[in-house]
Amino acid sequence: MDANMPILASTSPTAVPWLSVIVLLPITGALLLPFLPEGESEKQSQLPRNLAISILLIDLLIMLFVFGRVFNPSEGGLQLVERANWLPFLGLEWSVGADGISAPLVLLSGLITFLSAAASWKVTQKSRLYFALLLVQASAQALVFLSQDFLLFFLAWELELVPVYLLIAIWGGKRRLYAATKFILYTALASLLILISGLALALSGDNFTLNISELANKNYEGSFGILCYLGFLIGFGVKLPIFPLHTWLPDAHGEANAPVSMLLAGVLLKMGGYALLRFNVQLLPEAHQILAPALIVIGIVNVIYGALNAFAQDNVKRRIACSSVSHMGFVLLGIGAIDALGISGAMLQMISHGLIAAAMFFITGSFYERTNTLSIPNMGGLAKILPITFAFFLTSSLASLALPGMSGFISEITVFLGITSQNDFTSIFRAITIVLAAIGLVLTPVYLLSMCRRVFFGPRIPAVSLTEDMNPRELVIGLSLLVPTLAIGFWPRIAIDLYESSTNLLADKLITNSLVVLNQGLTFG
């Protein structure tokens, strides 16, 4: 295979602009919400809520149709391509397309955003604005995963920051302004590095281009490629997040309401992992070969530090947030493994963690509505009065700690196998990586099961003795997240078949460049 061959070979566009419909439908609905009546009572807020939920449901159904019937997962290249001149004087092109790397994440974002809106059933304060922001967020997320023009990608990346900031700052907890400001500062500064790195790639060589497939054809050698790689790594690493750029995450989760936390954990963190695959690996394979061991080291730090930090948290949501830092470390390990199995594990980990983390934050919000506290020391005895809630929370915790038969186990074991099968690393490097990552796996059940014990067992809190359990709406939302988790655990091909051709194509290019790098006398580990 030619080392300069584009990973994404564009195919013919379809007659119906399906991807544009997926992107533009939610934001179009958001423009309608200001014209609806609004009030503070639940009855008066039903119309904005119901319209938003209906639009997101239609959008999700379109996604299921497109990626279930129109999209061909056996083709590794770009499909459903839609290109049109938008602002030619700025060099901005409306260019969207999907491959196996983007398709499952678009589906994940559609599902979680719809369920997040359904979980916002009791939001009455400024309901038109709230649900309009959710719809804008849905469009921005989809565009991030589908953009095939760097500038369009960057605009979508920036657009999704605004709704999240406002959702935390207006509907968050007591320290919501601090958490929202910290979030926007971290992500805005990171965006500057992303923009500089992307424009540097576009301006390099003889021809200027912002098209991602065309950028993948260029050669970025030496220190220039490494500097751009590091710029992307830091910029996207804030969103992943990687240590030590993660400190915004526990604050954001701690202050955001449960539906927004579902979006943060289920979708926003996956943008970081997706962008690393799309830009760092696809565009800069030679730099990735050189820096892959460093990526694995950072991943190990994430896994262990996130797990240890979770022990120190007495707030349920902050503990789950630190758990997310640990679990996203496995995404870094998979990407750093530079082989098809490792990248497959990284993709599966993003899908799995998106479902599991969203379920845990949703269920946490469910019992917060009943207890008005997230303080672990102030909770106890909930298993007897909330048995269904306890069953759901325990199931999601077992999935998170990688119990066999659930998606977390499949994704993490695939990452481990990807590292062990990589011959470019020395045996000692691989052995140390496996041992340290295993320590994180051992710590996970300790901090999760101890949280379950303290929250759901022990002395009963008198103030919540008459609390009712999950209602039918909450049961449907919980099952919508846990059923796919179990299905992937028992039959992982459901997810793997969707992205395998694309990850294999990406791995082939890495292998080709690995031979080039090795011929230059570079060694790893």
Protein backbone atom coordinates (compact mmCIF):
# COMPACT_ATOMS: atom_id res chain seq x y z
CA MET A 1 0.00 0.00 0.00
CA ASP A 2 1.22 3.51 -0.84
CA ALA A 3 2.05 5.32 2.38
CA ASN A 4 0.59 8.49 0.92
CA MET A 5 -2.73 6.95 -0.06
CA PRO A 6 -5.69 8.70 1.58
CA ILE A 7 -7.42 6.73 4.27
CA LEU A 8 -10.77 8.11 3.21
CA ALA A 9 -11.42 7.47 -0.45
CA SER A 10 -14.59 9.40 -1.29
CA THR A 11 -17.45 7.51 -2.86
CA SER A 12 -20.36 8.86 -4.83
CA PRO A 13 -22.88 10.96 -2.92
CA THR A 14 -26.44 9.76 -2.45
CA ALA A 15 -29.46 11.46 -3.99
CA VAL A 16 -30.83 12.43 -0.58
CA PRO A 17 -28.51 14.60 1.60
CA TRP A 18 -29.03 12.39 4.62
CA LEU A 19 -26.09 13.64 6.62
CA SER A 20 -27.07 17.28 6.15
CA VAL A 21 -30.57 16.43 7.33
CA ILE A 22 -29.14 14.76 10.45
CA VAL A 23 -27.02 17.84 11.21
CA LEU A 24 -29.51 20.57 10.37
CA LEU A 25 -32.80 19.13 11.68
CA PRO A 26 -32.13 19.78 15.41
CA ILE A 27 -30.81 23.33 14.95
CA THR A 28 -33.78 24.13 12.73
CA GLY A 29 -36.05 22.99 15.55
CA ALA A 30 -34.10 25.18 17.96
CA LEU A 31 -35.02 28.21 15.84
CA LEU A 32 -38.71 27.40 16.30
CA LEU A 33 -38.65 27.16 20.10
CA PRO A 34 -38.48 30.93 20.84
CA PHE A 35 -41.90 31.32 19.21
CA LEU A 36 -43.55 28.87 21.62
CA PRO A 37 -45.25 29.95 24.86
CA GLU A 38 -43.25 29.42 28.03
CA GLY A 39 -44.02 29.37 31.74
CA GLU A 40 -42.50 28.12 34.97
CA SER A 41 -45.08 25.39 35.59
CA GLU A 42 -44.65 21.91 34.19
CA LYS A 43 -47.81 22.24 32.10
CA GLN A 44 -46.63 25.47 30.47
CA SER A 45 -43.20 23.99 29.69
CA GLN A 46 -44.58 20.86 28.02
CA LEU A 47 -44.70 22.26 24.49
CA PRO A 48 -40.97 23.20 24.18
CA ARG A 49 -40.02 19.94 25.84
CA ASN A 50 -42.27 17.77 23.68
CA LEU A 51 -41.19 19.50 20.47
CA ALA A 52 -37.50 19.04 21.31
CA ILE A 53 -37.97 15.38 22.23
CA SER A 54 -39.95 14.75 19.03
CA ILE A 55 -37.28 16.38 16.83
CA LEU A 56 -34.48 14.44 18.52
CA LEU A 57 -36.45 11.20 18.15
CA ILE A 58 -36.98 11.84 14.43
CA ASP A 59 -33.29 12.65 14.07
CA LEU A 60 -32.34 9.41 15.84
CA LEU A 61 -34.67 7.38 13.60
CA ILE A 62 -33.09 8.96 10.53
CA MET A 63 -29.65 8.03 11.88
CA LEU A 64 -30.76 4.43 12.43
CA PHE A 65 -32.13 4.25 8.88
CA VAL A 66 -29.08 5.85 7.26
CA PHE A 67 -26.44 3.84 9.13
CA GLY A 68 -28.52 0.68 9.15
CA ARG A 69 -29.67 0.63 5.52
CA VAL A 70 -27.88 3.25 3.39
CA PHE A 71 -24.39 3.13 4.92
CA ASN A 72 -22.27 0.11 3.93
CA PRO A 73 -20.04 -0.90 6.87
CA SER A 74 -17.99 -3.27 4.73
CA GLU A 75 -16.46 -0.28 2.91
CA GLY A 76 -13.69 1.35 4.87
CA GLY A 77 -13.66 4.60 2.92
CA LEU A 78 -15.80 7.70 3.15
CA GLN A 79 -19.46 7.36 2.20
CA LEU A 80 -22.57 9.53 1.79
CA VAL A 81 -20.36 12.45 0.77
CA GLU A 82 -22.00 15.86 0.49
CA ARG A 83 -19.96 18.86 -0.69
CA ALA A 84 -21.04 22.39 -1.52
CA ASN A 85 -19.37 25.80 -1.59
CA TRP A 86 -20.54 27.72 1.46
CA LEU A 87 -18.29 30.74 2.03
CA PRO A 88 -15.70 30.46 -0.77
CA PHE A 89 -14.03 33.77 0.11
CA LEU A 90 -13.09 32.18 3.47
CA GLY A 91 -12.27 28.83 1.93
CA LEU A 92 -15.13 27.29 3.90
CA GLU A 93 -16.87 24.34 2.31
CA TRP A 94 -19.89 22.41 3.51
CA SER A 95 -18.34 18.97 3.36
CA VAL A 96 -19.75 16.05 5.32
CA GLY A 97 -19.26 12.33 5.05
CA ALA A 98 -19.25 9.20 7.17
CA ASP A 99 -17.01 6.21 7.62
CA GLY A 100 -16.80 3.48 10.25
CA ILE A 101 -15.00 5.75 12.70
CA SER A 102 -17.70 8.42 12.67
CA ALA A 103 -20.87 6.36 12.10
CA PRO A 104 -21.11 4.62 15.52
CA LEU A 105 -20.30 7.85 17.35
CA VAL A 106 -23.02 9.74 15.46
CA LEU A 107 -25.49 7.03 16.53
CA LEU A 108 -24.21 7.22 20.11
CA SER A 109 -24.60 11.00 20.21
CA GLY A 110 -28.10 10.79 18.73
CA LEU A 111 -29.24 8.22 21.28
CA ILE A 112 -27.77 9.96 24.33
CA THR A 113 -28.97 13.43 23.31
CA PHE A 114 -32.51 12.12 22.83
CA LEU A 115 -32.42 10.34 26.20
CA SER A 116 -30.93 13.45 27.81
CA ALA A 117 -33.88 15.49 26.60
CA ALA A 118 -36.28 12.82 27.87
CA ALA A 119 -34.48 12.88 31.23
CA SER A 120 -35.07 16.66 31.39
CA TRP A 121 -38.78 16.06 31.91
CA LYS A 122 -39.00 18.21 35.02
CA VAL A 123 -37.03 21.19 33.72
CA THR A 124 -39.40 24.18 33.84
CA GLN A 125 -37.03 27.11 34.35
CA LYS A 126 -36.50 28.84 30.98
CA SER A 127 -37.58 25.67 29.23
CA ARG A 128 -37.52 27.17 25.72
CA LEU A 129 -33.88 28.16 26.11
CA TYR A 130 -32.95 24.88 27.78
CA PHE A 131 -34.34 22.65 25.05
CA ALA A 132 -33.14 24.98 22.29
CA LEU A 133 -29.61 24.56 23.66
CA LEU A 134 -30.01 20.78 23.65
CA LEU A 135 -31.05 20.91 19.99
CA VAL A 136 -28.12 23.16 19.04
CA GLN A 137 -25.83 20.79 20.91
CA ALA A 138 -27.23 17.84 18.94
CA SER A 139 -26.43 19.51 15.62
CA ALA A 140 -22.96 20.57 16.72
CA GLN A 141 -22.10 17.07 17.95
CA ALA A 142 -23.21 15.41 14.72
CA LEU A 143 -21.27 17.95 12.65
CA VAL A 144 -18.08 17.34 14.64
CA PHE A 145 -18.24 13.63 13.75
CA LEU A 146 -19.29 14.15 10.12
CA SER A 147 -17.24 17.18 9.02
CA GLN A 148 -14.73 16.53 6.24
CA ASP A 149 -13.47 20.11 6.10
CA PHE A 150 -11.13 21.25 8.88
CA LEU A 151 -12.61 24.73 9.21
CA LEU A 152 -16.14 23.31 9.31
CA PHE A 153 -14.99 20.83 11.94
CA PHE A 154 -13.46 23.63 13.99
CA LEU A 155 -16.62 25.76 13.82
CA ALA A 156 -18.70 22.78 14.99
CA TRP A 157 -16.14 22.08 17.74
CA GLU A 158 -16.51 25.67 18.96
CA LEU A 159 -20.29 25.75 18.57
CA GLU A 160 -20.83 22.83 20.92
CA LEU A 161 -18.98 24.67 23.71
CA VAL A 162 -21.62 27.40 23.95
CA PRO A 163 -24.65 25.23 24.83
CA VAL A 164 -22.67 23.24 27.39
CA TYR A 165 -21.41 26.40 29.06
CA LEU A 166 -24.93 27.86 29.31
CA LEU A 167 -26.50 24.57 30.40
CA ILE A 168 -24.07 24.39 33.32
CA ALA A 169 -24.09 28.11 34.15
CA ILE A 170 -27.90 28.47 34.23
CA TRP A 171 -29.22 25.08 35.36
CA GLY A 172 -26.26 23.85 37.42
CA GLY A 173 -25.65 23.67 41.17
CA LYS A 174 -24.40 26.22 43.68
CA ARG A 175 -20.94 26.56 42.12
CA ARG A 176 -22.23 26.43 38.56
CA LEU A 177 -20.60 29.67 37.39
CA TYR A 178 -17.19 28.51 38.61
CA ALA A 179 -17.57 25.12 36.90
CA ALA A 180 -18.89 26.63 33.66
CA THR A 181 -16.14 29.25 33.52
CA LYS A 182 -13.46 26.65 34.17
CA PHE A 183 -14.90 24.47 31.41
CA ILE A 184 -14.95 27.27 28.84
CA LEU A 185 -11.45 28.50 29.73
CA TYR A 186 -9.89 25.06 29.39
CA THR A 187 -11.67 24.23 26.15
CA ALA A 188 -11.24 27.68 24.56
CA LEU A 189 -7.48 27.69 25.15
CA ALA A 190 -7.29 24.14 23.80
CA SER A 191 -9.20 25.23 20.69
CA LEU A 192 -6.49 27.77 19.92
CA LEU A 193 -3.93 24.96 19.66
CA ILE A 194 -6.29 22.94 17.45
CA LEU A 195 -6.78 25.89 15.08
CA ILE A 196 -3.05 26.67 14.85
CA SER A 197 -2.14 23.02 14.22
CA GLY A 198 -4.86 22.55 11.61
CA LEU A 199 -4.00 25.70 9.69
CA ALA A 200 -0.32 24.77 9.79
CA LEU A 201 -1.15 21.47 8.07
CA ALA A 202 -3.38 23.24 5.55
CA LEU A 203 -0.67 25.76 4.64
CA SER A 204 2.15 23.24 4.38
CA GLY A 205 3.31 21.97 1.04
CA ASP A 206 2.55 23.38 -2.39
CA ASN A 207 -1.24 23.47 -2.16
CA PHE A 208 -3.53 24.98 0.46
CA THR A 209 -6.44 22.76 1.42
CA LEU A 210 -8.81 22.35 4.33
CA ASN A 211 -10.31 19.09 3.11
CA ILE A 212 -9.41 16.35 5.60
CA SER A 213 -9.03 13.64 2.94
CA GLU A 214 -6.67 15.87 0.97
CA LEU A 215 -4.75 16.75 4.13
CA ALA A 216 -4.24 13.01 4.66
CA ASN A 217 -2.38 12.87 1.32
CA LYS A 218 0.30 15.32 2.40
CA ASN A 219 3.60 14.37 4.02
CA TYR A 220 4.37 16.00 7.37
CA GLU A 221 7.85 14.93 8.29
CA GLY A 222 10.29 15.69 11.05
CA SER A 223 9.77 18.21 13.79
CA PHE A 224 6.93 19.97 11.94
CA GLY A 225 4.72 16.88 12.08
CA ILE A 226 5.61 16.24 15.73
CA LEU A 227 4.79 19.84 16.74
CA CYS A 228 1.40 19.67 14.99
CA TYR A 229 0.77 16.29 16.61
CA LEU A 230 1.50 17.72 20.06
CA GLY A 231 -0.76 20.70 19.38
CA PHE A 232 -3.62 18.39 18.45
CA LEU A 233 -2.86 16.07 21.38
CA ILE A 234 -3.12 18.86 23.94
CA GLY A 235 -6.11 20.47 22.24
CA PHE A 236 -8.11 17.27 21.92
CA GLY A 237 -6.70 15.90 25.17
CA VAL A 238 -8.53 18.54 27.18
CA LYS A 239 -11.83 17.16 25.90
CA LEU A 240 -10.86 13.48 26.29
CA PRO A 241 -9.59 14.39 29.01
CA ILE A 242 -5.94 13.49 29.64
CA PHE A 243 -3.98 14.09 32.82
CA PRO A 244 -3.25 16.84 33.89
CA LEU A 245 -5.77 18.64 31.65
CA HIS A 246 -8.74 16.89 33.25
CA THR A 247 -9.47 19.07 36.28
CA TRP A 248 -12.45 20.81 34.65
CA LEU A 249 -14.34 17.53 34.39
CA PRO A 250 -15.15 16.72 38.07
CA ASP A 251 -16.28 20.33 38.61
CA ALA A 252 -18.46 20.34 35.50
CA HIS A 253 -20.08 17.01 36.41
CA GLY A 254 -20.48 18.01 40.04
CA GLU A 255 -22.46 21.14 39.16
CA ALA A 256 -24.30 20.12 35.98
CA ASN A 257 -27.71 18.52 36.21
CA ALA A 258 -27.98 14.83 35.35
CA PRO A 259 -29.08 15.21 31.68
CA VAL A 260 -26.15 17.53 30.95
CA SER A 261 -23.79 15.12 32.70
CA MET A 262 -25.13 12.42 30.38
CA LEU A 263 -24.06 14.55 27.42
CA LEU A 264 -20.68 15.40 28.92
CA ALA A 265 -19.73 11.80 29.67
CA GLY A 266 -21.59 10.10 26.84
CA VAL A 267 -20.70 12.36 23.92
CA LEU A 268 -18.29 15.23 24.64
CA LEU A 269 -15.46 13.04 25.93
CA LYS A 270 -15.81 10.87 22.82
CA MET A 271 -15.16 13.91 20.63
CA GLY A 272 -11.63 13.98 22.01
CA GLY A 273 -10.99 10.32 21.22
CA TYR A 274 -12.56 10.64 17.76
CA ALA A 275 -10.47 13.72 16.94
CA LEU A 276 -7.26 11.93 17.99
CA LEU A 277 -8.06 9.15 15.53
CA ARG A 278 -9.14 11.51 12.78
CA PHE A 279 -6.29 14.02 13.02
CA ASN A 280 -3.37 12.64 15.04
CA VAL A 281 -3.49 9.12 13.64
CA GLN A 282 -4.97 9.65 10.17
CA LEU A 283 -3.15 12.85 9.21
CA LEU A 284 0.11 12.40 11.13
CA PRO A 285 0.91 8.65 11.09
CA GLU A 286 4.69 9.11 11.20
CA ALA A 287 4.51 11.40 14.23
CA HIS A 288 2.09 8.95 15.80
CA GLN A 289 4.58 6.13 15.35
CA ILE A 290 7.19 8.16 17.22
CA LEU A 291 4.92 9.38 20.03
CA ALA A 292 2.76 6.26 20.47
CA PRO A 293 4.74 5.06 23.53
CA ALA A 294 4.21 8.47 25.18
CA LEU A 295 0.49 8.13 24.46
CA ILE A 296 0.48 4.77 26.23
CA VAL A 297 2.29 6.25 29.23
CA ILE A 298 -0.31 9.04 29.45
CA GLY A 299 -3.05 6.43 29.16
CA ILE A 300 -1.60 4.45 32.06
CA VAL A 301 -1.42 7.61 34.16
CA ASN A 302 -5.06 8.32 33.32
CA VAL A 303 -6.16 4.82 34.27
CA ILE A 304 -4.40 4.75 37.65
CA TYR A 305 -4.72 8.41 38.63
CA GLY A 306 -8.42 8.52 37.73
CA ALA A 307 -9.07 5.40 39.80
CA LEU A 308 -7.11 6.66 42.81
CA ASN A 309 -8.74 10.08 42.59
CA ALA A 310 -12.17 8.46 42.58
CA PHE A 311 -11.49 7.09 46.08
CA ALA A 312 -11.10 10.64 47.41
CA GLN A 313 -14.52 11.79 46.18
CA ASP A 314 -17.47 11.88 48.59
CA ASN A 315 -19.84 13.17 45.90
CA VAL A 316 -21.43 10.46 43.73
CA LYS A 317 -21.19 12.43 40.47
CA ARG A 318 -17.61 13.53 41.10
CA ARG A 319 -16.62 9.91 41.78
CA ILE A 320 -18.21 8.81 38.52
CA ALA A 321 -16.47 11.71 36.75
CA CYS A 322 -13.06 10.57 38.03
CA SER A 323 -14.00 7.08 36.91
CA SER A 324 -14.50 8.50 33.41
CA VAL A 325 -10.96 9.89 33.46
CA SER A 326 -9.72 6.40 34.28
CA HIS A 327 -11.80 4.64 31.64
CA MET A 328 -10.88 7.09 28.88
CA GLY A 329 -7.27 6.15 29.59
CA PHE A 330 -8.03 2.85 27.85
CA VAL A 331 -8.92 4.82 24.72
CA LEU A 332 -5.42 6.31 24.78
CA LEU A 333 -3.94 2.85 25.29
CA GLY A 334 -5.83 1.50 22.29
CA ILE A 335 -4.84 4.40 20.05
CA GLY A 336 -1.22 4.10 21.19
CA ALA A 337 -1.15 0.38 20.39
CA ILE A 338 -0.86 1.31 16.65
CA ASP A 339 -2.52 -1.84 15.38
CA ALA A 340 -5.99 -2.82 14.20
CA LEU A 341 -6.91 -4.62 17.42
CA GLY A 342 -5.87 -1.71 19.63
CA ILE A 343 -7.75 0.87 17.55
CA SER A 344 -10.77 -1.43 17.55
CA GLY A 345 -10.57 -1.58 21.34
CA ALA A 346 -10.37 2.22 21.53
CA MET A 347 -13.50 2.57 19.38
CA LEU A 348 -15.36 -0.06 21.38
CA GLN A 349 -14.31 1.58 24.64
CA MET A 350 -15.72 4.92 23.48
CA ILE A 351 -19.03 3.34 22.56
CA SER A 352 -19.19 1.26 25.73
CA HIS A 353 -18.20 4.06 28.09
CA GLY A 354 -20.64 6.42 26.42
CA LEU A 355 -23.53 4.10 27.22
CA ILE A 356 -22.38 3.11 30.71
CA ALA A 357 -21.41 6.58 31.94
CA ALA A 358 -24.64 8.09 30.61
CA ALA A 359 -26.59 5.38 32.45
CA MET A 360 -24.74 6.00 35.72
CA PHE A 361 -25.28 9.76 35.60
CA PHE A 362 -28.93 9.33 34.69
CA ILE A 363 -29.59 6.95 37.57
CA THR A 364 -27.66 9.24 39.91
CA GLY A 365 -29.94 12.09 38.86
CA SER A 366 -32.93 9.86 39.45
CA PHE A 367 -32.13 9.23 43.11
CA TYR A 368 -30.93 12.82 43.58
CA GLU A 369 -34.45 13.99 42.75
CA ARG A 370 -35.69 11.77 45.57
CA THR A 371 -33.01 12.43 48.20
CA ASN A 372 -31.80 15.95 47.35
CA THR A 373 -28.23 14.95 48.12
CA LEU A 374 -25.25 13.45 46.31
CA SER A 375 -23.04 13.26 49.40
CA ILE A 376 -22.01 9.66 49.93
CA PRO A 377 -21.58 10.02 53.74
CA ASN A 378 -25.14 11.40 53.97
CA MET A 379 -26.74 8.52 52.10
CA GLY A 380 -27.56 4.97 53.04
CA GLY A 381 -30.28 2.35 53.10
CA LEU A 382 -31.63 3.24 49.65
CA ALA A 383 -31.68 -0.37 48.43
CA LYS A 384 -34.78 -1.18 50.50
CA ILE A 385 -36.80 1.87 49.50
CA LEU A 386 -35.45 2.18 45.92
CA PRO A 387 -34.88 -1.46 44.86
CA ILE A 388 -35.31 -0.80 41.12
CA THR A 389 -32.97 2.18 41.23
CA PHE A 390 -30.45 0.06 43.12
CA ALA A 391 -30.70 -2.72 40.50
CA PHE A 392 -30.07 -0.27 37.67
CA PHE A 393 -27.18 1.46 39.42
CA LEU A 394 -25.55 -1.83 40.38
CA THR A 395 -25.89 -3.15 36.83
CA SER A 396 -24.29 -0.04 35.36
CA SER A 397 -21.52 -0.23 37.99
CA LEU A 398 -20.82 -3.86 37.09
CA ALA A 399 -20.65 -2.87 33.42
CA SER A 400 -18.23 -0.07 34.31
CA LEU A 401 -15.91 -2.39 36.24
CA ALA A 402 -15.73 -4.65 33.15
CA LEU A 403 -17.75 -7.63 34.33
CA PRO A 404 -17.64 -10.41 31.68
CA GLY A 405 -20.80 -10.40 29.60
CA MET A 406 -20.96 -6.62 29.45
CA SER A 407 -19.54 -4.17 26.92
CA GLY A 408 -16.89 -2.78 29.28
CA PHE A 409 -15.20 -6.18 29.50
CA ILE A 410 -15.07 -6.67 25.73
CA SER A 411 -13.67 -3.20 25.05
CA GLU A 412 -10.96 -3.32 27.71
CA ILE A 413 -9.83 -6.86 26.93
CA THR A 414 -9.57 -5.86 23.25
CA VAL A 415 -7.28 -2.97 24.22
CA PHE A 416 -5.11 -5.36 26.26
CA LEU A 417 -4.87 -7.77 23.34
CA GLY A 418 -3.98 -4.91 21.01
CA ILE A 419 -1.04 -3.93 23.20
CA THR A 420 0.24 -7.49 23.68
CA SER A 421 0.10 -8.23 19.94
CA GLN A 422 2.14 -5.13 18.99
CA ASN A 423 5.64 -6.27 18.10
CA ASP A 424 6.99 -2.75 17.63
CA PHE A 425 7.16 -2.41 21.42
CA THR A 426 9.70 -4.33 23.47
CA SER A 427 8.50 -7.18 25.65
CA ILE A 428 9.41 -5.28 28.80
CA PHE A 429 7.44 -2.22 27.70
CA ARG A 430 4.39 -4.34 26.91
CA ALA A 431 4.64 -6.24 30.20
CA ILE A 432 4.90 -3.07 32.29
CA THR A 433 1.98 -1.53 30.42
CA ILE A 434 -0.24 -4.57 31.03
CA VAL A 435 0.66 -4.76 34.73
CA LEU A 436 0.01 -1.08 35.38
CA ALA A 437 -3.23 -1.09 33.41
CA ALA A 438 -4.32 -4.15 35.38
CA ILE A 439 -3.83 -2.19 38.59
CA GLY A 440 -6.43 0.28 37.33
CA LEU A 441 -8.77 -2.61 36.58
CA VAL A 442 -8.37 -3.89 40.14
CA LEU A 443 -9.05 -0.47 41.66
CA THR A 444 -12.24 0.10 39.65
CA PRO A 445 -14.47 -2.47 41.38
CA VAL A 446 -13.17 -1.31 44.77
CA TYR A 447 -14.27 2.31 44.43
CA LEU A 448 -17.48 1.50 42.55
CA LEU A 449 -18.71 -1.30 44.79
CA SER A 450 -17.76 0.61 47.94
CA MET A 451 -19.87 3.51 46.64
CA CYS A 452 -22.80 1.15 46.04
CA ARG A 453 -22.45 -0.23 49.56
CA ARG A 454 -22.36 3.19 51.22
CA VAL A 455 -25.21 4.64 49.15
CA PHE A 456 -27.62 1.72 49.09
CA PHE A 457 -26.88 -0.14 52.32
CA GLY A 458 -26.21 0.79 55.91
CA PRO A 459 -28.53 2.90 58.12
CA ARG A 460 -31.61 4.23 56.40
CA ILE A 461 -31.99 8.00 56.10
CA PRO A 462 -35.34 8.95 57.70
CA ALA A 463 -35.85 11.88 55.30
CA VAL A 464 -36.14 9.53 52.32
CA SER A 465 -38.09 6.73 53.97
CA LEU A 466 -41.21 7.39 51.88
CA THR A 467 -39.49 7.98 48.54
CA GLU A 468 -41.05 6.37 45.47
CA ASP A 469 -38.98 4.28 43.07
CA MET A 470 -38.25 4.89 39.36
CA ASN A 471 -41.31 5.64 37.25
CA PRO A 472 -42.03 4.07 33.81
CA ARG A 473 -40.39 6.95 31.90
CA GLU A 474 -37.20 6.55 33.90
CA LEU A 475 -37.28 2.79 33.42
CA VAL A 476 -37.44 3.19 29.63
CA ILE A 477 -34.51 5.62 29.63
CA GLY A 478 -32.43 3.33 31.86
CA LEU A 479 -33.19 0.26 29.75
CA SER A 480 -32.37 2.17 26.55
CA LEU A 481 -28.82 2.56 27.87
CA LEU A 482 -28.29 -0.76 29.64
CA VAL A 483 -29.80 -3.08 27.00
CA PRO A 484 -27.24 -2.03 24.34
CA THR A 485 -24.51 -2.41 26.98
CA LEU A 486 -25.55 -6.01 27.58
CA ALA A 487 -26.12 -6.69 23.87
CA ILE A 488 -22.61 -5.54 22.95
CA GLY A 489 -21.21 -7.56 25.85
CA PHE A 490 -22.76 -10.78 24.59
CA TRP A 491 -22.54 -10.01 20.87
CA PRO A 492 -19.78 -7.41 20.25
CA ARG A 493 -20.03 -7.80 16.49
CA ILE A 494 -23.08 -5.50 16.67
CA ALA A 495 -20.68 -2.61 17.21
CA ILE A 496 -17.46 -3.98 15.70
CA ASP A 497 -18.98 -4.67 12.27
CA LEU A 498 -19.89 -1.00 11.96
CA TYR A 499 -16.33 0.32 12.24
CA GLU A 500 -13.98 -2.62 11.59
CA SER A 501 -13.33 -1.94 7.89
CA SER A 502 -12.34 1.66 8.61
CA THR A 503 -10.13 0.85 11.59
CA ASN A 504 -8.40 -1.88 9.57
CA LEU A 505 -7.74 0.62 6.80
CA LEU A 506 -6.35 3.08 9.32
CA ALA A 507 -4.16 0.38 10.87
CA ASP A 508 -2.84 -0.62 7.44
CA LYS A 509 -1.55 2.90 6.90
CA LEU A 510 0.05 2.88 10.33
CA ILE A 511 1.79 -0.41 9.57
CA THR A 512 3.07 0.98 6.28
CA ASN A 513 4.44 4.06 8.00
CA SER A 514 5.86 1.89 10.77
CA LEU A 515 8.09 0.19 8.22
CA VAL A 516 9.20 3.60 6.98
CA VAL A 517 10.01 4.80 10.48
CA LEU A 518 11.86 1.61 11.38
CA ASN A 519 13.92 1.91 8.22
CA GLN A 520 14.96 5.33 9.47
CA GLY A 521 16.42 3.68 12.55
CA LEU A 522 13.78 4.71 15.09
CA THR A 523 12.94 2.30 17.88
CA PHE A 524 10.13 2.23 20.42
CA GLY A 525 9.89 1.29 24.05
